[in-house]
Amino acid sequence: AAYTMDSHNVQRHVGQDGFVHNEGDVQVGGFSPYPIDYGSILPQEGECTNLLVPVCLSASHMAFGSIRMEPVFMVLGQSAATAAVLTIRSGTTVQNLDYAALRTQLESDQQVLVWTGPKRSTPVGIDPKSLPGIVIDDEQAERIGFDSHSSSVGPYIGIGYRHDGADGKGRQSAVFRAGITEAGKYSIRIAYSAFNNRSVSVPVVVADASGEHRYVLNQQQKPTDGPFRSVGEQTFTAGDNVQITISNNATEGHVIIDAVQLLPQ
């Protein structure tokens, strides 16, 4: 099987922020094809010896969210039928069927039992503490909206990133706060995962004692340094309290918030 882990939300509710939220939705993909064990379609031998279960097989809720697709059921059905025929011919039980014989037959029918193609790796989050400068993760930001969480597209900081769901335009924002302890020039770097459904005009406002400085970020462009892209440089003094606000005002597409880094130059 190779389909995305796809478990639909179980309910919706209106939060205190006035937005409608889904609960229980799991969408995780980007992994390589994986094998399904023959034993998962068999009952215990003490319960039944002539039954194969290619659809309601033994799997966790999360795994079945990926398995439960028509092409997978077709392959499982063919495998179960082949096992049934070989079991009858050999006069044995489904649990004691010679797996080597089953494998030989399935491979002659051009089933892929072992994936030898390219292997896709799941993105791994970068520990904010491992990065230089001042790093504020989205988990530390003061948010209005941006309740959708994802880790589908890497690299990213921490455990993932948040997005606006391409919805609620003009009503979602995140404030990243940083205290400056050393005076100097800093590069203001925004972490995000680029994709073709992202916004090309994400507003970034940096406020300090000198006022507000406005930038625009194209999140369809790949970051230039790992997950980060610099939007500009500013000089801060020791004791400054810097506030970086990312919002979805006047945007189209998904707006991503992941982390902000103030990197001394």
Protein backbone atom coordinates (compact mmCIF):
# COMPACT_ATOMS: atom_id res chain seq x y z
CA ALA A 1 0.00 0.00 0.00
CA ALA A 2 1.14 3.56 -0.59
CA TYR A 3 -1.87 5.80 -0.12
CA THR A 4 -1.89 8.81 2.19
CA MET A 5 -2.99 8.26 5.79
CA ASP A 6 -6.50 9.64 5.34
CA SER A 7 -8.82 9.69 8.34
CA HIS A 8 -11.64 12.19 8.06
CA ASN A 9 -12.71 14.56 10.81
CA VAL A 10 -15.32 13.21 13.21
CA GLN A 11 -17.01 16.49 14.12
CA ARG A 12 -16.96 20.26 13.70
CA HIS A 13 -17.43 23.00 16.24
CA VAL A 14 -17.23 26.77 16.42
CA GLY A 15 -14.33 27.94 18.58
CA GLN A 16 -14.08 31.02 20.75
CA ASP A 17 -12.37 32.80 17.87
CA GLY A 18 -15.52 32.42 15.76
CA PHE A 19 -13.94 29.96 13.32
CA VAL A 20 -15.29 26.52 12.46
CA HIS A 21 -12.79 23.81 13.45
CA ASN A 22 -12.55 20.19 12.36
CA GLU A 23 -11.64 17.56 14.95
CA GLY A 24 -10.09 14.17 14.29
CA ASP A 25 -8.77 14.83 10.78
CA VAL A 26 -5.49 13.06 9.94
CA GLN A 27 -3.80 13.63 6.58
CA VAL A 28 -0.24 12.31 6.45
CA GLY A 29 1.45 11.29 3.21
CA GLY A 30 4.76 11.34 1.42
CA PHE A 31 5.91 7.83 2.39
CA SER A 32 7.09 4.96 0.21
CA PRO A 33 4.94 1.88 -0.54
CA TYR A 34 4.89 -0.53 2.38
CA PRO A 35 4.04 -4.27 2.65
CA ILE A 36 0.87 -5.71 4.20
CA ASP A 37 1.52 -8.95 6.08
CA TYR A 38 -0.32 -12.11 5.03
CA GLY A 39 -1.09 -12.73 8.69
CA SER A 40 -3.17 -9.54 8.85
CA ILE A 41 -5.90 -11.11 6.69
CA LEU A 42 -6.06 -14.33 8.73
CA PRO A 43 -8.10 -15.08 11.86
CA GLN A 44 -6.44 -17.00 14.66
CA GLU A 45 -6.24 -20.70 13.90
CA GLY A 46 -8.30 -21.55 16.98
CA GLU A 47 -11.16 -19.42 15.64
CA CYS A 48 -11.37 -20.43 11.97
CA THR A 49 -9.11 -22.24 9.51
CA ASN A 50 -10.84 -21.58 6.18
CA LEU A 51 -11.44 -17.82 6.23
CA LEU A 52 -9.47 -14.99 4.58
CA VAL A 53 -10.40 -11.36 5.29
CA PRO A 54 -8.93 -9.03 2.64
CA VAL A 55 -10.97 -5.92 3.57
CA CYS A 56 -11.70 -5.94 7.32
CA LEU A 57 -8.13 -6.96 8.04
CA SER A 58 -6.18 -6.52 11.25
CA ALA A 59 -4.83 -2.96 11.33
CA SER A 60 -4.74 0.09 13.54
CA HIS A 61 -7.13 2.95 12.88
CA MET A 62 -4.29 5.07 11.47
CA ALA A 63 -2.95 2.30 9.22
CA PHE A 64 -6.41 1.46 7.90
CA GLY A 65 -6.82 5.10 6.89
CA SER A 66 -4.11 4.39 4.31
CA ILE A 67 -5.05 0.78 3.46
CA ARG A 68 -8.75 1.45 2.82
CA MET A 69 -8.42 2.35 -0.86
CA GLU A 70 -9.87 0.48 -3.83
CA PRO A 71 -6.55 -0.42 -5.50
CA VAL A 72 -5.26 -1.85 -2.21
CA PHE A 73 -8.45 -3.87 -1.72
CA MET A 74 -8.12 -5.19 -5.28
CA VAL A 75 -4.60 -6.45 -4.59
CA LEU A 76 -5.64 -7.88 -1.23
CA GLY A 77 -8.60 -9.60 -2.87
CA GLN A 78 -6.39 -11.16 -5.52
CA SER A 79 -3.92 -12.27 -2.84
CA ALA A 80 -6.66 -13.80 -0.70
CA ALA A 81 -8.16 -15.62 -3.68
CA THR A 82 -4.75 -17.00 -4.64
CA ALA A 83 -4.17 -18.15 -1.06
CA ALA A 84 -7.59 -19.81 -0.98
CA VAL A 85 -6.93 -21.77 -4.17
CA LEU A 86 -3.50 -22.92 -3.00
CA THR A 87 -4.91 -23.89 0.41
CA ILE A 88 -7.62 -26.04 -1.20
CA ARG A 89 -5.16 -27.66 -3.58
CA SER A 90 -2.72 -28.53 -0.80
CA GLY A 91 -5.42 -29.72 1.60
CA THR A 92 -4.22 -27.53 4.46
CA THR A 93 -5.46 -24.52 6.43
CA VAL A 94 -4.99 -20.89 5.52
CA GLN A 95 -2.69 -20.49 8.52
CA ASN A 96 -0.46 -23.39 7.49
CA LEU A 97 -0.25 -22.60 3.80
CA ASP A 98 3.32 -22.69 2.48
CA TYR A 99 4.10 -18.99 2.10
CA ALA A 100 6.94 -19.67 -0.34
CA ALA A 101 4.41 -21.23 -2.74
CA LEU A 102 2.05 -18.29 -2.28
CA ARG A 103 4.85 -15.83 -2.91
CA THR A 104 5.96 -17.63 -6.06
CA GLN A 105 2.43 -17.54 -7.47
CA LEU A 106 1.87 -13.86 -6.58
CA GLU A 107 5.17 -12.85 -8.16
CA SER A 108 4.33 -14.82 -11.30
CA ASP A 109 1.11 -12.78 -11.41
CA GLN A 110 3.34 -9.67 -11.35
CA GLN A 111 2.49 -8.54 -7.85
CA VAL A 112 5.08 -6.29 -6.19
CA LEU A 113 5.80 -7.84 -2.80
CA VAL A 114 9.01 -5.95 -2.00
CA TRP A 115 9.38 -2.30 -2.98
CA THR A 116 12.75 -1.71 -4.66
CA GLY A 117 12.03 1.70 -6.14
CA PRO A 118 13.01 5.11 -4.74
CA LYS A 119 12.28 5.50 -1.05
CA ARG A 120 10.69 8.69 0.17
CA SER A 121 11.72 9.94 3.58
CA THR A 122 9.42 11.71 5.98
CA PRO A 123 10.50 15.29 6.75
CA VAL A 124 12.16 15.65 10.14
CA GLY A 125 11.77 18.80 12.16
CA ILE A 126 14.75 20.99 13.02
CA ASP A 127 15.26 21.68 16.72
CA PRO A 128 14.98 25.47 17.23
CA LYS A 129 17.63 25.24 19.96
CA SER A 130 20.16 24.00 17.39
CA LEU A 131 19.94 27.22 15.37
CA PRO A 132 21.98 30.41 15.88
CA GLY A 133 20.48 33.77 16.74
CA ILE A 134 17.02 34.27 18.18
CA VAL A 135 14.48 31.69 16.98
CA ILE A 136 10.77 31.83 17.78
CA ASP A 137 8.74 28.79 16.73
CA ASP A 138 5.09 28.95 15.69
CA GLU A 139 4.24 27.11 18.92
CA GLN A 140 5.44 30.21 20.81
CA ALA A 141 3.61 32.73 18.64
CA GLU A 142 0.48 34.57 19.75
CA ARG A 143 -2.07 33.41 17.23
CA ILE A 144 -5.47 34.49 16.04
CA GLY A 145 -6.51 31.65 13.74
CA PHE A 146 -3.80 29.61 12.02
CA ASP A 147 -5.25 26.54 13.73
CA SER A 148 -4.47 24.05 10.95
CA HIS A 149 -1.28 22.10 11.66
CA SER A 150 0.80 20.13 9.15
CA SER A 151 4.16 18.44 8.69
CA SER A 152 3.67 17.23 5.11
CA VAL A 153 6.27 19.43 3.39
CA GLY A 154 9.72 19.84 4.90
CA PRO A 155 12.05 21.05 6.08
CA TYR A 156 10.37 22.76 9.00
CA ILE A 157 11.18 23.95 12.50
CA GLY A 158 10.04 21.95 15.53
CA ILE A 159 7.14 19.53 15.12
CA GLY A 160 5.63 21.14 12.01
CA TYR A 161 4.02 24.33 10.81
CA ARG A 162 0.64 26.00 10.74
CA HIS A 163 -1.41 27.45 7.92
CA ASP A 164 -4.58 29.46 7.40
CA GLY A 165 -6.31 26.82 5.27
CA ALA A 166 -6.57 29.44 2.51
CA ASP A 167 -9.59 30.73 4.40
CA GLY A 168 -10.61 33.47 6.81
CA LYS A 169 -8.64 36.05 4.86
CA GLY A 170 -7.87 39.17 6.85
CA ARG A 171 -8.80 37.48 10.12
CA GLN A 172 -5.75 35.34 10.93
CA SER A 173 -2.43 36.52 12.30
CA ALA A 174 0.55 35.38 14.35
CA VAL A 175 2.82 37.57 16.46
CA PHE A 176 6.40 36.46 17.16
CA ARG A 177 8.08 38.41 19.99
CA ALA A 178 11.82 38.66 20.62
CA GLY A 179 13.89 40.54 23.17
CA ILE A 180 17.20 41.96 21.89
CA THR A 181 20.14 41.55 24.27
CA GLU A 182 22.95 42.57 21.90
CA ALA A 183 22.82 45.67 19.70
CA GLY A 184 23.58 45.26 16.03
CA LYS A 185 22.27 44.50 12.57
CA TYR A 186 20.02 41.45 12.27
CA SER A 187 18.73 39.52 9.29
CA ILE A 188 15.00 38.90 9.66
CA ARG A 189 14.39 35.38 8.41
CA ILE A 190 11.04 33.66 8.01
CA ALA A 191 10.70 29.86 7.95
CA TYR A 192 8.04 28.32 5.72
CA SER A 193 7.54 25.29 3.47
CA ALA A 194 7.20 26.30 -0.16
CA PHE A 195 4.58 24.78 -2.46
CA ASN A 196 2.57 25.85 -5.49
CA ASN A 197 -0.61 26.42 -3.46
CA ARG A 198 1.05 29.01 -1.19
CA SER A 199 0.43 32.74 -1.19
CA VAL A 200 2.81 34.95 -3.15
CA SER A 201 2.10 38.09 -1.10
CA VAL A 202 2.35 37.27 2.61
CA PRO A 203 2.59 40.48 4.66
CA VAL A 204 5.30 40.62 7.32
CA VAL A 205 5.39 43.58 9.71
CA VAL A 206 8.40 44.13 11.98
CA ALA A 207 7.80 46.59 14.80
CA ASP A 208 10.38 47.98 17.23
CA ALA A 209 11.11 51.26 19.00
CA SER A 210 11.76 52.99 15.66
CA GLY A 211 8.37 52.09 14.20
CA GLU A 212 6.99 49.55 11.75
CA HIS A 213 8.78 48.06 8.76
CA ARG A 214 6.73 46.18 6.17
CA TYR A 215 7.80 43.34 3.92
CA VAL A 216 6.11 40.96 1.47
CA LEU A 217 7.04 37.27 1.24
CA ASN A 218 6.41 34.95 -1.72
CA GLN A 219 5.88 31.52 -0.16
CA GLN A 220 5.85 29.75 -3.50
CA GLN A 221 9.57 30.51 -3.79
CA LYS A 222 11.84 28.02 -2.07
CA PRO A 223 13.59 29.29 1.06
CA THR A 224 17.22 30.20 0.44
CA ASP A 225 18.79 28.72 3.57
CA GLY A 226 17.19 25.50 4.78
CA PRO A 227 13.64 26.44 5.78
CA PHE A 228 14.45 30.18 6.02
CA ARG A 229 14.31 33.16 3.69
CA SER A 230 15.42 36.63 4.72
CA VAL A 231 12.94 39.45 4.14
CA GLY A 232 15.42 42.18 5.09
CA GLU A 233 17.86 43.52 7.64
CA GLN A 234 17.32 45.91 10.54
CA THR A 235 19.46 47.41 13.26
CA PHE A 236 18.28 46.93 16.82
CA THR A 237 19.57 48.24 20.13
CA ALA A 238 19.97 46.25 23.33
CA GLY A 239 16.71 46.14 25.23
CA ASP A 240 14.52 46.46 22.13
CA ASN A 241 11.36 44.39 22.11
CA VAL A 242 10.79 43.31 18.53
CA GLN A 243 7.42 42.14 17.28
CA ILE A 244 7.11 40.29 13.96
CA THR A 245 3.55 39.85 12.70
CA ILE A 246 2.62 37.50 9.87
CA SER A 247 -0.98 37.64 8.67
CA ASN A 248 -3.17 36.57 5.79
CA ASN A 249 -4.41 40.07 4.97
CA ALA A 250 -5.07 40.54 1.23
CA THR A 251 -3.64 37.14 0.32
CA GLU A 252 -4.69 34.28 -1.93
CA GLY A 253 -3.66 30.69 -1.31
CA HIS A 254 -2.25 29.11 1.83
CA VAL A 255 -0.27 31.26 4.24
CA ILE A 256 2.31 29.33 6.28
CA ILE A 257 3.71 30.22 9.69
CA ASP A 258 6.61 28.15 11.00
CA ALA A 259 9.30 30.19 12.74
CA VAL A 260 11.08 33.53 12.79
CA GLN A 261 14.84 33.87 13.19
CA LEU A 262 16.73 37.08 14.01
CA LEU A 263 20.28 36.34 12.90
CA PRO A 264 23.13 38.73 13.86
CA GLN A 265 25.10 39.99 10.84
